[in-house]
Amino acid sequence: MACYTMKTIVPRSFIRFMVAIFCITIAGCSSLPPPQIAEVEQTPPPKSKSYGHVKFGNPYTINGRTYYPMSDEESEHFVAEGIASWYGPNFHGEDTANGEFFDMYGMTAAHKTLPLPMTVRVTNLDNGRETVVRVNDRGPFIGDRIIDLSKSAAKELGFLDKGTAKVRIEALGIADPLPSDHPYSPYRPRTVASRAKSDKNHQQGLHNETRKVQNKGGVPGSGYFVQVGAFLSRKNAATLATRIQSTAKAEVRKGLKTGDNFFRVLVGPYPSPVGADVMLARLSNLGLKQSRIIAE
């Protein structure tokens, strides 16, 4: 039996065509632009913060208790919860612990141990309101309070009338220095405060005791009082005085205003604002929000 082998004959024209296609392809690939290498943006290193304006402070003692100011590292993640109060009229226009001007209409605060100045977020745990303040003063040194806020800060947090509130404070970092021409700067020209100081006989939210308070002496029954209320009726005044006897010893005093008699319910006297302020907080917690401190 005969065998036949089939051969496939490829036309030369087809081979030339395929060679041409191959060369074109190679040439096209060689003309492609080289792959781009993405440039990595270089982030400049953070600027080192100047602490020349910061006062960390040495240990100090108030009312027999010693406080140890924190370093920057110790305060970096500081969080605390406790009672906040506010201060204003009696210290408006004075210097704070780090020399800045105290403006009760500004957003500032006092703390016993944080570096000065420090930026702090304060949250009122009773109503959820929060604000950011500049801590530039020392205090409060009364009871279990952890921070003293300016009048405006207390208003922002919604406890101006109540006097105190449970809060959480969170340190946000060292605050920047104030420009030398800033009205609150320690280096400002010593001029009269832009806002007149409030009458010291109408003190509320009295401040820390870094200042020495001169005890009032001389006339028996003189000093600092908490005025719980004032009435045209002696009977109403006596009723209130009886109501608070379990908390404080109160008395009814007669006064005269615009030609009319009125009767005040007073608790005291205290030789300095410290004791009066403690009692003011207690009475406020009883719902007596109109209580205020007076000096006689």
Protein backbone atom coordinates (compact mmCIF):
# COMPACT_ATOMS: atom_id res chain seq x y z
CA MET A 1 0.00 0.00 0.00
CA ALA A 2 1.37 3.40 -0.92
CA CYS A 3 1.63 6.18 1.74
CA TYR A 4 1.31 9.88 0.97
CA THR A 5 2.60 12.75 3.12
CA MET A 6 0.62 15.96 2.98
CA LYS A 7 2.75 19.10 3.20
CA THR A 8 1.29 22.48 4.04
CA ILE A 9 2.78 25.10 1.82
CA VAL A 10 2.70 28.64 3.38
CA PRO A 11 2.89 31.40 0.81
CA ARG A 12 5.96 33.61 1.13
CA SER A 13 3.76 36.71 0.95
CA PHE A 14 2.02 35.65 4.17
CA ILE A 15 5.34 35.15 5.92
CA ARG A 16 6.52 38.60 4.86
CA PHE A 17 3.21 40.05 6.14
CA MET A 18 3.63 38.43 9.58
CA VAL A 19 7.23 39.58 9.86
CA ALA A 20 6.13 43.13 9.07
CA ILE A 21 3.40 43.01 11.77
CA PHE A 22 5.92 41.72 14.30
CA CYS A 23 8.37 44.51 13.53
CA ILE A 24 5.68 47.17 13.78
CA THR A 25 4.61 45.78 17.14
CA ILE A 26 8.16 45.78 18.46
CA ALA A 27 8.71 49.32 17.24
CA GLY A 28 5.48 50.48 18.85
CA CYS A 29 6.42 48.97 22.17
CA SER A 30 9.83 50.55 22.07
CA SER A 31 8.24 53.98 21.56
CA LEU A 32 6.06 53.80 24.71
CA PRO A 33 7.05 56.32 27.39
CA PRO A 34 8.88 54.85 30.36
CA PRO A 35 6.68 54.16 33.39
CA GLN A 36 6.29 57.13 35.72
CA ILE A 37 7.53 56.76 39.27
CA ALA A 38 5.25 58.55 41.68
CA GLU A 39 7.03 61.13 43.73
CA VAL A 40 6.48 60.74 47.47
CA GLU A 41 5.64 64.08 49.02
CA GLN A 42 8.02 64.84 51.79
CA THR A 43 6.18 66.00 54.94
CA PRO A 44 8.23 68.59 56.78
CA PRO A 45 9.00 67.64 60.36
CA PRO A 46 6.71 69.31 62.89
CA LYS A 47 8.04 72.49 64.34
CA SER A 48 9.20 72.13 67.88
CA LYS A 49 6.92 74.00 70.24
CA SER A 50 8.42 76.80 72.26
CA TYR A 51 7.81 76.47 75.98
CA GLY A 52 9.44 79.75 76.93
CA HIS A 53 6.06 81.21 77.86
CA VAL A 54 4.93 78.18 79.88
CA LYS A 55 4.92 78.12 83.66
CA PHE A 56 5.08 74.59 84.99
CA GLY A 57 5.70 75.87 88.49
CA ASN A 58 7.15 74.56 91.70
CA PRO A 59 5.15 72.75 94.40
CA TYR A 60 3.09 75.15 96.51
CA THR A 61 0.93 74.86 99.59
CA ILE A 62 -2.57 76.33 100.07
CA ASN A 63 -4.63 75.80 103.22
CA GLY A 64 -2.22 73.10 104.42
CA ARG A 65 -2.31 71.08 101.21
CA THR A 66 0.62 70.86 98.79
CA TYR A 67 0.07 70.83 95.03
CA TYR A 68 2.59 69.59 92.44
CA PRO A 69 2.25 71.21 88.99
CA MET A 70 2.51 68.79 86.07
CA SER A 71 5.13 68.70 83.37
CA ASP A 72 4.14 68.83 79.71
CA GLU A 73 4.51 65.05 79.43
CA GLU A 74 2.36 64.39 82.50
CA SER A 75 -0.43 66.61 81.21
CA GLU A 76 -0.38 65.30 77.63
CA HIS A 77 -3.38 62.96 77.99
CA PHE A 78 -4.85 64.40 81.17
CA VAL A 79 -8.58 63.71 81.70
CA ALA A 80 -10.54 64.25 84.90
CA GLU A 81 -14.13 64.47 86.11
CA GLY A 82 -15.41 66.49 89.01
CA ILE A 83 -17.12 69.69 90.06
CA ALA A 84 -16.57 72.96 88.20
CA SER A 85 -17.32 76.42 89.56
CA TRP A 86 -16.86 79.89 88.11
CA TYR A 87 -15.28 83.17 89.15
CA GLY A 88 -15.50 86.68 87.85
CA PRO A 89 -16.47 89.96 89.53
CA ASN A 90 -13.96 90.00 92.35
CA PHE A 91 -10.98 89.25 90.10
CA HIS A 92 -11.89 90.91 86.83
CA GLY A 93 -8.98 93.00 85.59
CA GLU A 94 -6.41 91.38 87.87
CA ASP A 95 -3.37 89.32 86.89
CA THR A 96 -3.71 85.54 86.63
CA ALA A 97 -1.10 83.12 87.99
CA ASN A 98 0.95 83.32 84.78
CA GLY A 99 0.64 87.10 84.51
CA GLU A 100 -2.08 87.29 81.90
CA PHE A 101 -5.01 89.67 82.31
CA PHE A 102 -8.12 88.04 83.75
CA ASP A 103 -11.25 88.91 81.83
CA MET A 104 -14.38 87.26 83.17
CA TYR A 105 -15.92 87.76 79.72
CA GLY A 106 -13.14 85.71 78.07
CA MET A 107 -12.96 81.92 77.74
CA THR A 108 -10.40 81.09 80.41
CA ALA A 109 -10.07 78.91 83.50
CA ALA A 110 -8.04 78.09 86.59
CA HIS A 111 -6.60 74.67 87.48
CA LYS A 112 -4.44 73.61 90.39
CA THR A 113 -1.68 71.67 88.59
CA LEU A 114 -1.88 71.88 84.77
CA PRO A 115 0.89 73.82 82.98
CA LEU A 116 0.02 77.45 82.23
CA PRO A 117 -1.26 78.23 79.68
CA MET A 118 -3.01 75.01 78.64
CA THR A 119 -5.89 74.49 76.22
CA VAL A 120 -8.63 72.35 77.78
CA ARG A 121 -11.97 71.02 76.58
CA VAL A 122 -14.66 71.16 79.27
CA THR A 123 -17.89 69.16 78.97
CA ASN A 124 -20.88 69.71 81.24
CA LEU A 125 -21.95 66.15 82.07
CA ASP A 126 -25.37 67.37 83.18
CA ASN A 127 -26.41 68.75 79.79
CA GLY A 128 -23.76 67.63 77.30
CA ARG A 129 -22.62 71.14 76.41
CA GLU A 130 -18.90 71.65 75.87
CA THR A 131 -16.43 74.45 75.24
CA VAL A 132 -12.67 75.04 74.97
CA VAL A 133 -10.90 77.33 77.44
CA ARG A 134 -7.40 78.66 78.09
CA VAL A 135 -6.14 77.66 81.54
CA ASN A 136 -3.99 80.53 82.76
CA ASP A 137 -4.63 80.64 86.51
CA ARG A 138 -4.42 78.52 89.66
CA GLY A 139 -7.39 77.22 91.62
CA PRO A 140 -9.97 76.39 92.82
CA PHE A 141 -8.96 75.46 96.35
CA ILE A 142 -12.42 74.80 97.76
CA GLY A 143 -13.90 71.38 98.40
CA ASP A 144 -13.74 68.85 95.58
CA ARG A 145 -13.80 71.35 92.71
CA ILE A 146 -11.42 70.58 89.86
CA ILE A 147 -11.65 73.70 87.70
CA ASP A 148 -12.74 77.34 87.98
CA LEU A 149 -14.17 78.83 84.79
CA SER A 150 -14.61 82.43 83.74
CA LYS A 151 -18.12 83.83 83.83
CA SER A 152 -18.55 83.55 80.06
CA ALA A 153 -17.31 79.94 80.03
CA ALA A 154 -19.80 79.02 82.77
CA LYS A 155 -22.55 80.68 80.77
CA GLU A 156 -21.51 78.77 77.65
CA LEU A 157 -21.76 75.51 79.59
CA GLY A 158 -25.13 76.44 81.06
CA PHE A 159 -24.42 76.56 84.80
CA LEU A 160 -23.96 80.27 85.44
CA ASP A 161 -27.04 80.52 87.65
CA LYS A 162 -26.50 77.18 89.36
CA GLY A 163 -22.93 78.06 90.29
CA THR A 164 -21.43 74.57 89.95
CA ALA A 165 -21.68 71.61 87.58
CA LYS A 166 -20.23 68.14 87.15
CA VAL A 167 -17.79 68.27 84.24
CA ARG A 168 -15.15 66.34 82.37
CA ILE A 169 -11.94 68.17 81.44
CA GLU A 170 -9.54 67.01 78.71
CA ALA A 171 -6.14 68.59 78.14
CA LEU A 172 -5.63 69.47 74.46
CA GLY A 173 -2.06 70.72 74.70
CA ILE A 174 0.05 73.73 75.57
CA ALA A 175 -1.61 76.96 74.44
CA ASP A 176 0.29 79.34 72.19
CA PRO A 177 1.76 82.49 73.73
CA LEU A 178 -0.21 85.70 73.40
CA PRO A 179 1.26 88.44 71.19
CA SER A 180 2.92 91.18 73.19
CA ASP A 181 0.30 93.68 72.02
CA HIS A 182 -2.61 91.41 72.98
CA PRO A 183 -4.81 93.07 75.63
CA TYR A 184 -4.47 89.96 77.85
CA SER A 185 -0.72 89.53 77.38
CA PRO A 186 1.60 89.59 80.41
CA TYR A 187 3.65 92.14 78.49
CA ARG A 188 0.76 94.48 77.77
CA PRO A 189 0.97 98.10 78.92
CA ARG A 190 -0.47 98.34 82.41
CA THR A 191 -3.65 100.26 81.70
CA VAL A 192 -6.98 100.41 83.41
CA ALA A 193 -9.16 97.43 82.54
CA SER A 194 -11.51 98.05 79.66
CA ARG A 195 -14.44 96.86 81.70
CA ALA A 196 -15.08 98.32 85.14
CA LYS A 197 -14.73 95.92 88.03
CA SER A 198 -17.99 94.82 89.56
CA ASP A 199 -18.92 95.81 93.08
CA LYS A 200 -17.02 93.61 95.51
CA ASN A 201 -20.06 93.50 97.79
CA HIS A 202 -21.86 91.53 95.09
CA GLN A 203 -19.42 88.66 94.80
CA GLN A 204 -20.34 85.38 93.13
CA GLY A 205 -18.31 82.36 92.30
CA LEU A 206 -15.39 83.53 94.38
CA HIS A 207 -12.02 82.51 93.06
CA ASN A 208 -8.96 80.61 94.17
CA GLU A 209 -7.08 81.55 97.29
CA THR A 210 -3.67 82.20 95.75
CA ARG A 211 -4.28 85.74 96.89
CA LYS A 212 -4.12 86.42 100.60
CA VAL A 213 -7.42 87.58 101.93
CA GLN A 214 -7.30 89.98 104.85
CA ASN A 215 -9.59 88.81 107.60
CA LYS A 216 -12.05 91.42 108.59
CA GLY A 217 -11.96 92.24 112.28
CA GLY A 218 -13.20 94.83 114.68
CA VAL A 219 -16.97 95.06 114.74
CA PRO A 220 -18.64 91.89 116.06
CA GLY A 221 -20.84 90.28 113.43
CA SER A 222 -18.89 91.79 110.54
CA GLY A 223 -17.28 89.82 107.74
CA TYR A 224 -18.55 87.84 104.77
CA PHE A 225 -22.12 86.55 104.64
CA VAL A 226 -24.19 84.43 102.29
CA GLN A 227 -27.43 86.26 101.62
CA VAL A 228 -29.98 83.55 100.93
CA GLY A 229 -32.92 85.85 100.26
CA ALA A 230 -34.52 89.24 100.83
CA PHE A 231 -38.21 89.83 101.55
CA LEU A 232 -40.62 92.64 102.27
CA SER A 233 -42.29 90.34 104.79
CA ARG A 234 -40.45 89.39 107.97
CA LYS A 235 -42.60 86.25 108.19
CA ASN A 236 -41.40 85.01 104.79
CA ALA A 237 -37.80 85.69 105.75
CA ALA A 238 -38.23 83.80 109.02
CA THR A 239 -39.77 80.85 107.17
CA LEU A 240 -36.73 80.58 104.89
CA ALA A 241 -34.34 80.90 107.82
CA THR A 242 -36.11 78.02 109.58
CA ARG A 243 -36.03 75.93 106.41
CA ILE A 244 -32.24 75.99 106.17
CA GLN A 245 -31.44 75.61 109.88
CA SER A 246 -30.41 71.97 109.33
CA THR A 247 -27.76 73.15 106.84
CA ALA A 248 -26.68 76.49 108.25
CA LYS A 249 -27.37 78.85 111.12
CA ALA A 250 -29.30 81.72 109.57
CA GLU A 251 -30.49 85.03 110.93
CA VAL A 252 -32.94 87.65 109.71
CA ARG A 253 -31.64 91.22 109.48
CA LYS A 254 -33.68 94.30 108.77
CA GLY A 255 -32.60 96.67 106.05
CA LEU A 256 -33.82 99.79 104.28
CA LYS A 257 -33.95 100.32 100.54
CA THR A 258 -35.57 103.21 98.65
CA GLY A 259 -37.42 104.12 101.81
CA ASP A 260 -38.96 100.67 102.34
CA ASN A 261 -38.10 98.13 104.99
CA PHE A 262 -36.98 94.69 103.86
CA PHE A 263 -35.66 91.61 105.63
CA ARG A 264 -32.61 89.63 104.61
CA VAL A 265 -31.81 86.02 105.46
CA LEU A 266 -28.07 85.81 106.16
CA VAL A 267 -25.71 82.93 106.94
CA GLY A 268 -22.42 83.86 108.56
CA PRO A 269 -20.32 85.78 109.27
CA TYR A 270 -17.11 84.31 107.86
CA PRO A 271 -13.75 86.05 108.32
CA SER A 272 -12.80 85.46 104.66
CA PRO A 273 -14.56 84.57 101.41
CA VAL A 274 -13.38 80.96 101.65
CA GLY A 275 -15.93 79.83 104.22
CA ALA A 276 -18.68 81.89 102.64
CA ASP A 277 -17.97 80.32 99.26
CA VAL A 278 -18.22 76.79 100.65
CA MET A 279 -21.59 77.62 102.18
CA LEU A 280 -22.72 79.27 98.93
CA ALA A 281 -22.08 75.99 97.10
CA ARG A 282 -24.06 73.99 99.69
CA LEU A 283 -27.04 76.31 99.52
CA SER A 284 -26.92 76.31 95.74
CA ASN A 285 -27.12 72.52 95.76
CA LEU A 286 -30.28 72.83 97.88
CA GLY A 287 -31.90 74.80 95.07
CA LEU A 288 -31.33 78.26 96.56
CA LYS A 289 -29.90 79.64 93.30
CA GLN A 290 -30.31 83.30 94.20
CA SER A 291 -27.89 83.10 97.12
CA ARG A 292 -24.92 85.46 96.91
CA ILE A 293 -21.98 86.58 99.01
CA ILE A 294 -21.90 90.02 100.56
CA ALA A 295 -19.38 91.77 102.82
CA GLU A 296 -20.40 93.88 105.76
